């Protein structure tokens, strides 16, 4: 088929994120010979170029590509600054379009004949400036648009842009693969971005350990939903596993960047707990019990396509919400999955005028050859991730040993300081008691001194009083004797 009759699949495939990679894959299977290459902002910057045939938009357009399908994601309000934060600051805005993942119609020979959007989200449209909203309206004018929730639909309606609403195309993923669903232990599948993991902290470990115990020591599998900047990391997953192991849990990490491997684990799960929208969508499609961390885009999607869906907010208990999710009946789970499947089939068939959607979602031998084989997909990046992870683990082990030694040293110093402090406190207490005893004795002696001094003063006063009052009685006889003697002396003198 010639280039000008194909649809180039344009999305944020420059970064490793589960939804951004599964959406073009699903459309490639559905459109079959009509599917063109995966288009990226800059194929030279992408690790996917050789694996999935990624090509830059400019190159595809120059080769005669005239139709493009924007394959979803939160692209309606994503500007260059946001795109850089998830990919690389090395990207340069080499054209004048305000939104990196939305292609304006252009003019003359550079125009596009067909522009489609399917599964786009509109998180943040309300925060755009008036100028940005004007640019967005101009960019979207003439497109055929299907958004993933009514919130995005309403935001576009305010801009006088027509759109329809349907679940994400990843809803069809189980129907486009031959993943065998094992009826074995059906593990608890857990995923959280670094931001969410940091926010909930120890509550995740406590909730998962209690949940695993309540499910007869069910195995926990930690999976990555994306290794792009601002998403997940193997380091956080490994550290979480270590903390769960200390709680006695059976925990393991899926150390694969292959999105098909992640999807296969979800299909076989007994419960999915995640902060990823597309892990939630995979759980819905596979009729698996699920609970998500409360994030605006997930909350909005659940409101539209997962009635009664459970969320964990800051004030909610993870264990309680997970238990509630496990109580949802299998029939209700399947009814939701079937409803989403039928809606997607209807909207996609109308959008691309496909009359055989049900046949296209049947697994055939032709679909078994997947250019995303597990041993080739991002093999170099995966090996690099493993090496980086090994380095991180070694660093953490070295730090742990170093901190352990420092901890023992400081614990010893702490014990010595506490002992010295205790001795000082005891000595101070003893000195205090001795001082109190000395003060008591001093008070006692002072009292006795004052008492005897008082007695002495009283006796002295009494004696002086007696002497003063009786002195004449004591001196008169003496005067009489003296006078007598003087008289006798006078006589003899004569």
Protein backbone atom coordinates (compact mmCIF):
# COMPACT_ATOMS: atom_id res chain seq x y z
CA UNK A 1 0.00 0.00 0.00
CA UNK A 2 1.32 3.41 -0.89
CA UNK A 3 2.41 5.86 1.78
CA UNK A 4 -0.30 8.40 0.98
CA UNK A 5 -3.07 5.86 1.72
CA UNK A 6 -1.78 4.94 5.18
CA UNK A 7 -2.33 6.44 8.59
CA UNK A 8 0.82 7.50 10.39
CA UNK A 9 0.46 6.70 14.11
CA UNK A 10 1.59 9.79 16.01
CA UNK A 11 1.96 9.82 19.79
CA UNK A 12 4.36 10.26 22.69
CA UNK A 13 6.32 7.13 21.79
CA UNK A 14 9.55 9.02 22.47
CA UNK A 15 9.18 8.13 26.13
CA UNK A 16 8.66 4.81 27.87
CA UNK A 17 5.10 4.86 29.16
CA UNK A 18 2.67 1.93 29.07
CA UNK A 19 -0.31 3.70 27.52
CA UNK A 20 1.70 5.69 24.98
CA UNK A 21 3.21 2.43 23.69
CA UNK A 22 0.15 0.17 23.76
CA UNK A 23 -2.17 2.64 21.98
CA UNK A 24 -0.29 2.71 18.65
CA UNK A 25 0.25 -1.04 18.89
CA UNK A 26 -3.50 -1.65 19.18
CA UNK A 27 -4.29 0.63 16.23
CA UNK A 28 -1.57 -1.02 14.17
CA UNK A 29 -3.35 -4.36 14.68
CA UNK A 30 -6.79 -2.93 13.95
CA UNK A 31 -5.88 -0.88 10.85
CA UNK A 32 -3.63 -3.65 9.56
CA UNK A 33 -2.42 -2.66 6.04
CA UNK A 34 -3.75 0.87 6.52
CA UNK A 35 -1.38 1.45 9.45
CA UNK A 36 1.68 3.51 8.61
CA UNK A 37 4.83 3.91 10.71
CA UNK A 38 4.92 5.13 14.28
CA UNK A 39 5.66 8.83 14.20
CA UNK A 40 7.69 10.64 16.83
CA UNK A 41 8.87 14.18 17.44
CA UNK A 42 12.42 13.20 16.66
CA UNK A 43 13.18 9.60 15.71
CA UNK A 44 16.90 10.09 16.29
CA UNK A 45 16.19 10.78 19.95
CA UNK A 46 14.02 7.70 20.35
CA UNK A 47 15.13 4.30 21.61
CA UNK A 48 12.26 2.81 19.63
CA UNK A 49 13.43 3.69 16.13
CA UNK A 50 14.86 0.28 15.23
CA UNK A 51 12.35 -1.75 17.27
CA UNK A 52 9.07 -0.33 16.02
CA UNK A 53 10.08 1.49 12.85
CA UNK A 54 9.67 4.94 14.38
CA UNK A 55 10.00 7.82 11.95
CA UNK A 56 9.96 11.56 12.48
CA UNK A 57 6.83 13.45 11.43
CA UNK A 58 8.78 15.61 9.02
CA UNK A 59 10.31 12.59 7.30
CA UNK A 60 6.93 10.86 6.96
CA UNK A 61 5.35 13.99 5.51
CA UNK A 62 8.15 14.44 3.00
CA UNK A 63 7.74 10.83 1.86
CA UNK A 64 4.12 11.56 0.96
CA UNK A 65 2.29 10.74 4.16
CA UNK A 66 -0.95 12.71 4.15
CA UNK A 67 -3.02 11.10 6.95
CA UNK A 68 -2.19 10.98 10.63
CA UNK A 69 -3.85 9.44 13.65
CA UNK A 70 -3.00 11.04 16.98
CA UNK A 71 -3.04 8.04 19.30
CA UNK A 72 -4.36 9.49 22.52
CA UNK A 73 -2.85 10.33 25.85
CA UNK A 74 -3.03 13.68 27.63
CA UNK A 75 -2.07 15.61 24.50
CA UNK A 76 -4.77 18.27 24.26
CA UNK A 77 -3.06 20.63 26.70
CA UNK A 78 0.51 19.33 26.57
CA UNK A 79 2.90 22.16 25.66
CA UNK A 80 6.62 21.93 24.91
CA UNK A 81 7.63 22.52 28.51
CA UNK A 82 5.55 19.56 29.68
CA UNK A 83 6.85 17.38 26.86
CA UNK A 84 10.45 18.22 27.79
CA UNK A 85 9.83 17.33 31.44
CA UNK A 86 8.84 13.79 30.45
CA UNK A 87 11.38 13.18 27.70
CA UNK A 88 14.52 15.28 27.62
CA UNK A 89 15.57 18.90 27.73
CA UNK A 90 17.60 18.18 24.60
CA UNK A 91 14.44 18.38 22.51
CA UNK A 92 14.12 21.61 20.63
CA UNK A 93 10.96 23.20 19.34
CA UNK A 94 12.01 23.42 15.72
CA UNK A 95 8.60 24.47 14.43
CA UNK A 96 5.94 26.99 15.27
CA UNK A 97 3.15 24.68 16.47
CA UNK A 98 2.23 25.42 20.11
CA UNK A 99 1.34 21.83 21.07
CA UNK A 100 4.06 19.26 20.29
CA UNK A 101 1.74 16.24 19.93
CA UNK A 102 -0.97 17.99 17.85
CA UNK A 103 -0.47 18.65 14.15
CA UNK A 104 -2.13 21.73 12.62
CA UNK A 105 -3.58 21.34 9.18
CA UNK A 106 -0.96 23.46 7.46
CA UNK A 107 -1.34 25.08 4.07
CA UNK A 108 -0.88 24.12 0.45
CA UNK A 109 1.47 21.25 -0.23
CA UNK A 110 2.26 20.88 3.47
CA UNK A 111 -1.36 20.25 4.46
CA UNK A 112 -2.73 17.00 5.85
CA UNK A 113 -5.63 15.34 4.09
CA UNK A 114 -6.85 13.49 7.18
CA UNK A 115 -6.20 14.15 10.84
CA UNK A 116 -7.75 11.98 13.55
CA UNK A 117 -7.51 11.91 17.33
CA UNK A 118 -8.61 8.90 19.32
CA UNK A 119 -8.50 8.47 23.10
CA UNK A 120 -7.12 11.89 23.98
CA UNK A 121 -7.40 13.30 27.47
CA UNK A 122 -7.96 16.93 28.34
CA UNK A 123 -6.38 17.28 31.77
CA UNK A 124 -5.36 20.89 32.19
CA UNK A 125 -7.35 22.47 29.36
CA UNK A 126 -9.15 24.70 31.88
CA UNK A 127 -5.76 26.07 32.99
CA UNK A 128 -4.72 27.21 29.51
CA UNK A 129 -4.46 30.92 28.82
CA UNK A 130 -6.89 32.61 26.44
CA UNK A 131 -4.16 32.70 23.80
CA UNK A 132 -3.42 29.00 24.24
CA UNK A 133 -7.10 28.14 23.98
CA UNK A 134 -7.28 30.11 20.74
CA UNK A 135 -4.25 28.18 19.42
CA UNK A 136 -5.82 24.88 20.50
CA UNK A 137 -9.07 25.67 18.71
CA UNK A 138 -7.18 26.60 15.54
CA UNK A 139 -5.09 23.43 15.72
CA UNK A 140 -8.05 21.08 16.25
CA UNK A 141 -10.34 22.65 13.66
CA UNK A 142 -11.07 20.11 10.91
CA UNK A 143 -9.99 17.06 12.93
CA UNK A 144 -12.17 14.05 13.66
CA UNK A 145 -11.86 13.70 17.40
CA UNK A 146 -12.77 11.02 19.92
CA UNK A 147 -11.81 11.80 23.52
CA UNK A 148 -11.70 9.36 26.43
CA UNK A 149 -14.02 11.14 28.89
CA UNK A 150 -16.87 13.64 29.10
CA UNK A 151 -14.70 16.20 30.87
CA UNK A 152 -12.49 16.56 27.79
CA UNK A 153 -15.61 16.57 25.58
CA UNK A 154 -17.12 19.45 27.55
CA UNK A 155 -13.85 21.42 27.45
CA UNK A 156 -13.73 21.09 23.66
CA UNK A 157 -17.41 21.98 23.35
CA UNK A 158 -16.66 25.28 25.10
CA UNK A 159 -14.06 25.89 22.37
CA UNK A 160 -16.73 25.08 19.75
CA UNK A 161 -14.85 21.93 18.73
CA UNK A 162 -16.92 18.82 17.96
CA UNK A 163 -15.87 15.52 19.53
CA UNK A 164 -17.20 12.14 20.55
CA UNK A 165 -16.50 10.11 23.68
CA UNK A 166 -15.29 6.50 23.91
CA UNK A 167 -13.05 4.34 26.11
CA UNK A 168 -9.33 4.10 25.34
CA UNK A 169 -8.29 1.80 22.49
CA UNK A 170 -6.24 -0.27 24.96
CA UNK A 171 -9.63 -1.69 25.99
CA UNK A 172 -9.28 -3.97 22.94
CA UNK A 173 -5.81 -5.21 23.92
CA UNK A 174 -6.94 -8.61 25.35
CA UNK A 175 -8.78 -9.26 22.09
CA UNK A 176 -5.67 -8.54 20.00
CA UNK A 177 -3.27 -10.83 21.84
CA UNK A 178 -3.08 -14.47 22.73
CA UNK A 179 -1.95 -14.04 26.33
CA UNK A 180 -2.80 -17.20 28.22
CA UNK A 181 -4.61 -16.41 31.45
CA UNK A 182 -3.25 -18.81 34.05
CA UNK A 183 -5.71 -19.75 36.77
CA UNK A 184 -2.89 -20.19 39.27
CA UNK A 185 -2.09 -18.00 42.25
CA UNK A 186 -3.40 -14.81 40.55
CA UNK A 187 -1.02 -12.43 42.32
CA UNK A 188 -1.61 -8.95 43.67
CA UNK A 189 -0.17 -6.66 40.97
CA UNK A 190 1.09 -3.36 42.34
CA UNK A 191 2.42 -0.24 40.64
CA UNK A 192 2.98 3.28 41.88
CA UNK A 193 4.84 6.23 40.42
CA UNK A 194 7.73 7.55 42.48
CA UNK A 195 5.61 10.57 43.44
CA UNK A 196 2.72 8.44 44.74
CA UNK A 197 5.08 5.99 46.48
CA UNK A 198 6.74 8.88 48.30
CA UNK A 199 3.38 10.44 49.18
CA UNK A 200 1.85 7.30 50.72
CA UNK A 201 5.13 6.01 52.18
CA UNK A 202 4.87 3.28 54.82
CA UNK A 203 1.10 2.99 54.35
CA UNK A 204 1.76 1.10 51.11
CA UNK A 205 3.94 -1.50 52.87
CA UNK A 206 1.46 -1.90 55.72
CA UNK A 207 -1.55 -2.12 53.39
CA UNK A 208 0.05 -4.63 51.00
CA UNK A 209 1.38 -6.87 53.77
CA UNK A 210 -2.02 -6.97 55.49
CA UNK A 211 -3.74 -7.59 52.17
CA UNK A 212 -1.40 -10.42 51.20
CA UNK A 213 -1.91 -12.05 54.60
CA UNK A 214 -5.70 -11.80 54.31
CA UNK A 215 -5.46 -13.49 50.88
CA UNK A 216 -3.59 -16.52 52.25
CA UNK A 217 -0.12 -15.01 51.78
CA UNK A 218 -0.82 -14.11 48.16
CA UNK A 219 2.22 -13.27 46.01
CA UNK A 220 2.83 -9.57 45.21
CA UNK A 221 4.26 -8.59 41.82
CA UNK A 222 5.54 -5.03 41.43
CA UNK A 223 5.45 -3.85 37.81
CA UNK A 224 6.61 -0.68 36.01
CA UNK A 225 4.02 1.29 34.05
CA UNK A 226 6.64 3.57 32.56
CA UNK A 227 10.30 4.37 33.00
CA UNK A 228 10.14 7.85 31.49
CA UNK A 229 11.12 10.87 33.54
CA UNK A 230 8.58 11.55 36.27
CA UNK A 231 7.16 8.03 36.16
CA UNK A 232 8.29 4.78 37.84
CA UNK A 233 11.74 3.41 38.57
CA UNK A 234 13.20 -0.05 39.11
CA UNK A 235 15.07 1.34 42.10
CA UNK A 236 11.87 2.24 43.96
CA UNK A 237 10.33 -1.11 43.03
CA UNK A 238 13.32 -3.06 44.38
CA UNK A 239 13.40 -1.05 47.61
CA UNK A 240 9.66 -1.63 48.08
CA UNK A 241 10.20 -5.36 47.57
CA UNK A 242 12.89 -5.40 50.25
CA UNK A 243 10.53 -3.75 52.73
CA UNK A 244 7.78 -6.24 51.89
CA UNK A 245 10.15 -9.18 52.31
CA UNK A 246 10.98 -7.94 55.81
CA UNK A 247 7.24 -8.11 56.52
CA UNK A 248 7.25 -11.77 55.45
CA UNK A 249 5.51 -11.18 52.09
CA UNK A 250 6.19 -13.08 48.86
CA UNK A 251 7.21 -10.17 46.68
CA UNK A 252 8.94 -9.87 43.33
CA UNK A 253 9.66 -7.20 40.72
CA UNK A 254 8.98 -7.55 36.99
CA UNK A 255 12.34 -6.32 35.70
CA UNK A 256 11.15 -5.94 32.11
CA UNK A 257 10.43 -2.85 30.09
CA UNK A 258 8.29 -4.84 27.66
CA UNK A 259 4.72 -3.48 27.88
CA UNK A 260 3.38 -6.87 26.71
CA UNK A 261 4.96 -8.54 29.74
CA UNK A 262 3.30 -6.01 32.03
CA UNK A 263 -0.05 -6.57 30.28
CA UNK A 264 0.31 -10.35 30.64
CA UNK A 265 0.89 -10.03 34.39
CA UNK A 266 -2.22 -7.84 34.70
CA UNK A 267 -4.31 -10.35 32.73
CA UNK A 268 -3.38 -13.03 35.25
CA UNK A 269 -3.82 -10.87 38.36
CA UNK A 270 -6.19 -11.45 41.23
CA UNK A 271 -6.14 -7.76 42.08
CA UNK A 272 -4.52 -4.68 40.52
CA UNK A 273 -3.49 -1.66 42.62
CA UNK A 274 -1.92 1.18 40.65
CA UNK A 275 -1.43 4.87 39.95
CA UNK A 276 -1.38 4.20 36.18
CA UNK A 277 -4.49 4.89 34.12
CA UNK A 278 -3.62 2.24 31.54
CA UNK A 279 -2.97 -0.44 34.11
CA UNK A 280 -6.49 0.33 35.27
CA UNK A 281 -7.79 0.10 31.70
CA UNK A 282 -6.06 -3.28 31.22
CA UNK A 283 -7.60 -4.50 34.49
CA UNK A 284 -11.06 -3.36 33.32
CA UNK A 285 -10.61 -5.08 29.95
CA UNK A 286 -9.53 -8.34 31.63
CA UNK A 287 -12.33 -8.24 34.25
CA UNK A 288 -9.79 -8.08 37.07
CA UNK A 289 -10.65 -6.46 40.45
CA UNK A 290 -8.85 -3.12 40.73
CA UNK A 291 -8.27 -0.09 42.90
CA UNK A 292 -6.38 3.04 41.88
CA UNK A 293 -4.69 5.89 43.69
CA UNK A 294 -6.80 9.02 43.36
CA UNK A 295 -5.44 11.02 40.43
CA UNK A 296 -7.67 13.44 38.46
CA UNK A 297 -7.41 11.72 35.07
CA UNK A 298 -8.10 8.29 36.61
CA UNK A 299 -11.02 9.62 38.63
CA UNK A 300 -12.51 11.17 35.49
CA UNK A 301 -12.06 7.99 33.44
CA UNK A 302 -13.64 5.84 36.15
CA UNK A 303 -16.64 8.15 36.32
CA UNK A 304 -17.27 7.45 32.62
CA UNK A 305 -16.24 3.84 32.07
CA UNK A 306 -15.92 2.02 35.39
CA UNK A 307 -19.09 2.63 37.45
CA UNK A 308 -18.48 2.16 41.14
CA UNK A 309 -14.73 2.05 40.62
CA UNK A 310 -12.68 2.33 43.79
CA UNK A 311 -10.02 4.94 44.52
CA UNK A 312 -7.53 5.43 47.36
CA UNK A 313 -7.19 9.02 48.54
CA UNK A 314 -5.01 10.50 51.27
CA UNK A 315 -7.64 9.77 53.90
CA UNK A 316 -8.54 6.25 52.71
CA UNK A 317 -7.06 3.01 53.92
CA UNK A 318 -5.45 0.95 51.14
CA UNK A 319 -6.38 -2.35 52.76
CA UNK A 320 -10.07 -1.41 53.14
CA UNK A 321 -10.40 -0.20 49.56
CA UNK A 322 -8.68 -3.31 48.22
CA UNK A 323 -11.01 -5.54 50.23
CA UNK A 324 -13.99 -3.68 48.79
CA UNK A 325 -12.62 -4.19 45.26
CA UNK A 326 -12.35 -7.94 45.87
CA UNK A 327 -16.02 -8.05 46.81
CA UNK A 328 -17.17 -6.93 43.34
CA UNK A 329 -18.76 -9.90 41.59
CA UNK A 330 -17.24 -11.53 38.51
CA UNK A 331 -20.44 -10.85 36.57
CA UNK A 332 -20.26 -7.13 37.30
CA UNK A 333 -16.61 -7.03 36.27
CA UNK A 334 -17.38 -8.80 33.00
CA UNK A 335 -20.38 -6.55 32.30
CA UNK A 336 -18.17 -3.46 32.56
CA UNK A 337 -15.53 -5.03 30.31
CA UNK A 338 -18.15 -5.99 27.69
CA UNK A 339 -19.73 -2.53 27.74
CA UNK A 340 -16.38 -0.85 27.13
CA UNK A 341 -15.48 -3.32 24.38
CA UNK A 342 -18.75 -2.75 22.50
CA UNK A 343 -18.43 1.04 22.77
CA UNK A 344 -14.86 1.06 21.43
CA UNK A 345 -15.75 -1.23 18.53
CA UNK A 346 -18.66 1.00 17.55
CA UNK A 347 -16.73 4.28 17.70
CA UNK A 348 -13.63 2.97 15.90
CA UNK A 349 -15.68 1.36 13.15
CA UNK A 350 -17.54 4.65 12.58
CA UNK A 351 -14.38 6.76 12.74
CA UNK A 352 -12.49 4.71 10.14
CA UNK A 353 -15.49 3.23 8.31
CA UNK A 354 -14.57 -0.33 9.25
CA UNK A 355 -17.37 -2.85 8.84
CA UNK A 356 -15.59 -5.85 10.29
CA UNK A 357 -14.42 -4.72 13.70
CA UNK A 358 -15.32 -7.97 15.44
CA UNK A 359 -13.26 -9.91 12.89
CA UNK A 360 -10.34 -7.57 13.31
CA UNK A 361 -10.35 -8.21 17.05
CA UNK A 362 -10.15 -11.97 16.59
CA UNK A 363 -6.69 -13.44 17.05
CA UNK A 364 -5.25 -14.80 13.82
CA UNK A 365 -1.97 -16.43 12.88
CA UNK A 366 -0.97 -13.24 11.11
CA UNK A 367 -1.04 -11.39 14.40
CA UNK A 368 1.22 -13.85 16.20
CA UNK A 369 4.37 -12.36 14.69
CA UNK A 370 4.94 -9.41 16.93
CA UNK A 371 7.81 -7.04 16.33
CA UNK A 372 7.72 -6.43 20.06
CA UNK A 373 9.12 -9.84 20.96
CA UNK A 374 10.10 -10.08 24.61
CA UNK A 375 13.78 -10.69 23.83
CA UNK A 376 14.11 -7.77 21.42
CA UNK A 377 11.93 -4.99 22.78
CA UNK A 378 14.20 -2.30 24.17
CA UNK A 379 16.85 -4.96 24.76
CA UNK A 380 19.69 -2.48 24.99
CA UNK A 381 17.70 -0.14 27.21
CA UNK A 382 16.62 -3.07 29.37
CA UNK A 383 20.18 -4.30 29.81
CA UNK A 384 21.25 -0.78 30.65
CA UNK A 385 18.43 -0.55 33.17
CA UNK A 386 19.54 -3.80 34.76
CA UNK A 387 23.13 -2.58 34.95
CA UNK A 388 21.99 0.72 36.42
CA UNK A 389 19.82 -1.19 38.85
CA UNK A 390 22.71 -3.43 39.87
CA UNK A 391 24.83 -0.34 40.48
CA UNK A 392 22.04 1.20 42.52
CA UNK A 393 21.64 -1.97 44.57
CA UNK A 394 25.41 -2.08 45.19
CA UNK A 395 25.35 1.57 46.22
CA UNK A 396 22.40 0.96 48.50
CA UNK A 397 24.14 -2.10 50.00
CA UNK A 398 27.34 -0.14 50.58
CA UNK A 399 25.39 2.72 52.08
CA UNK A 400 23.43 0.28 54.20
CA UNK A 401 26.63 -1.29 55.55
CA UNK A 402 28.18 2.13 56.11
CA UNK A 403 25.07 3.42 57.83
CA UNK A 404 24.86 0.22 59.86
CA UNK A 405 28.42 0.77 61.14
CA UNK A 406 27.73 4.41 61.83
CA UNK A 407 24.49 3.48 63.52
CA UNK A 408 26.27 0.96 65.80
CA UNK A 409 28.96 3.55 66.55
CA UNK A 410 26.47 6.25 67.38
CA UNK A 411 24.33 3.80 69.30
CA UNK A 412 27.41 3.05 71.44
CA UNK A 413 28.05 6.76 71.93
CA UNK A 414 24.41 7.23 72.71
CA UNK A 415 24.48 4.47 75.34
CA UNK A 416 27.66 5.94 76.89
CA UNK A 417 26.13 9.41 76.91
CA UNK A 418 22.95 8.08 78.46
CA UNK A 419 24.98 6.22 81.09
CA UNK A 420 27.04 9.33 81.92
CA UNK A 421 23.91 11.41 81.99
CA UNK A 422 22.28 8.91 84.36
CA UNK A 423 25.32 8.97 86.64
CA UNK A 424 25.33 12.77 86.62
CA UNK A 425 21.62 12.79 87.38
CA UNK A 426 22.13 10.32 90.25
CA UNK A 427 25.04 12.39 91.62
CA UNK A 428 23.04 15.57 91.30
CA UNK A 429 20.16 13.89 93.08
CA UNK A 430 22.50 12.72 95.87
CA UNK A 431 24.04 16.20 96.21
CA UNK A 432 20.58 17.67 96.28
CA UNK A 433 19.59 15.31 99.09
CA UNK A 434 22.77 16.16 101.05
CA UNK A 435 22.12 19.85 100.61
CA UNK A 436 18.56 19.41 101.79
CA UNK A 437 19.81 17.49 104.86
CA UNK A 438 22.44 20.20 105.58
CA UNK A 439 19.79 22.87 105.24
CA UNK A 440 17.53 20.97 107.62
CA UNK A 441 20.39 20.65 110.17
CA UNK A 442 21.25 24.32 109.76
CA UNK A 443 17.64 25.24 110.36
CA UNK A 444 17.57 22.97 113.41
CA UNK A 445 20.84 24.41 114.87
CA UNK A 446 19.68 27.95 114.16
CA UNK A 447 16.49 27.23 116.00
CA UNK A 448 18.36 25.82 118.99
CA UNK A 449 20.78 28.75 118.92
CA UNK A 450 17.94 31.23 118.85
CA UNK A 451 16.24 29.32 121.68
CA UNK A 452 19.26 29.28 123.98
CA UNK A 453 20.21 32.81 123.09
CA UNK A 454 16.72 33.82 124.09
CA UNK A 455 17.08 31.98 127.40
CA UNK A 456 20.48 33.61 128.02
CA UNK A 457 19.11 37.05 127.34
CA UNK A 458 16.18 36.40 129.66
CA UNK A 459 18.43 35.16 132.51
CA UNK A 460 20.75 38.10 132.07
CA UNK A 461 17.90 40.54 132.08
CA UNK A 462 16.43 38.92 135.14
CA UNK A 463 19.80 39.05 136.96
CA UNK A 464 20.28 42.69 136.09
CA UNK A 465 16.84 43.47 137.35
CA UNK A 466 17.52 41.69 140.63
CA UNK A 467 20.83 43.44 141.10
CA UNK A 468 19.37 46.83 140.38
CA UNK A 469 16.37 46.30 142.63
CA UNK A 470 18.35 44.88 145.66
CA UNK A 471 21.66 46.75 145.46
CA UNK A 472 20.83 49.03 148.39
CA UNK A 473 20.15 46.03 150.54
CA UNK A 474 23.60 44.65 149.80
CA UNK A 475 25.52 47.96 150.32
CA UNK A 476 23.86 49.28 153.56
CA UNK A 477 25.54 46.78 155.91
CA UNK A 478 28.82 47.55 154.37
CA UNK A 479 28.32 51.25 154.91
CA UNK A 480 27.36 50.68 158.52
CA UNK A 481 30.50 48.62 159.09
CA UNK A 482 32.60 51.24 157.37
CA UNK A 483 31.08 53.98 159.48
CA UNK A 484 31.68 51.97 162.64
CA UNK A 485 35.30 51.42 161.77
CA UNK A 486 35.75 55.07 161.07
CA UNK A 487 34.25 55.94 164.48
CA UNK A 488 36.59 53.52 166.28
CA UNK A 489 39.56 54.96 164.45
CA UNK A 490 38.51 58.42 165.60
CA UNK A 491 38.27 57.36 169.24
CA UNK A 492 41.67 55.71 169.36
CA UNK A 493 43.14 58.74 167.71
CA UNK A 494 41.96 60.86 170.61
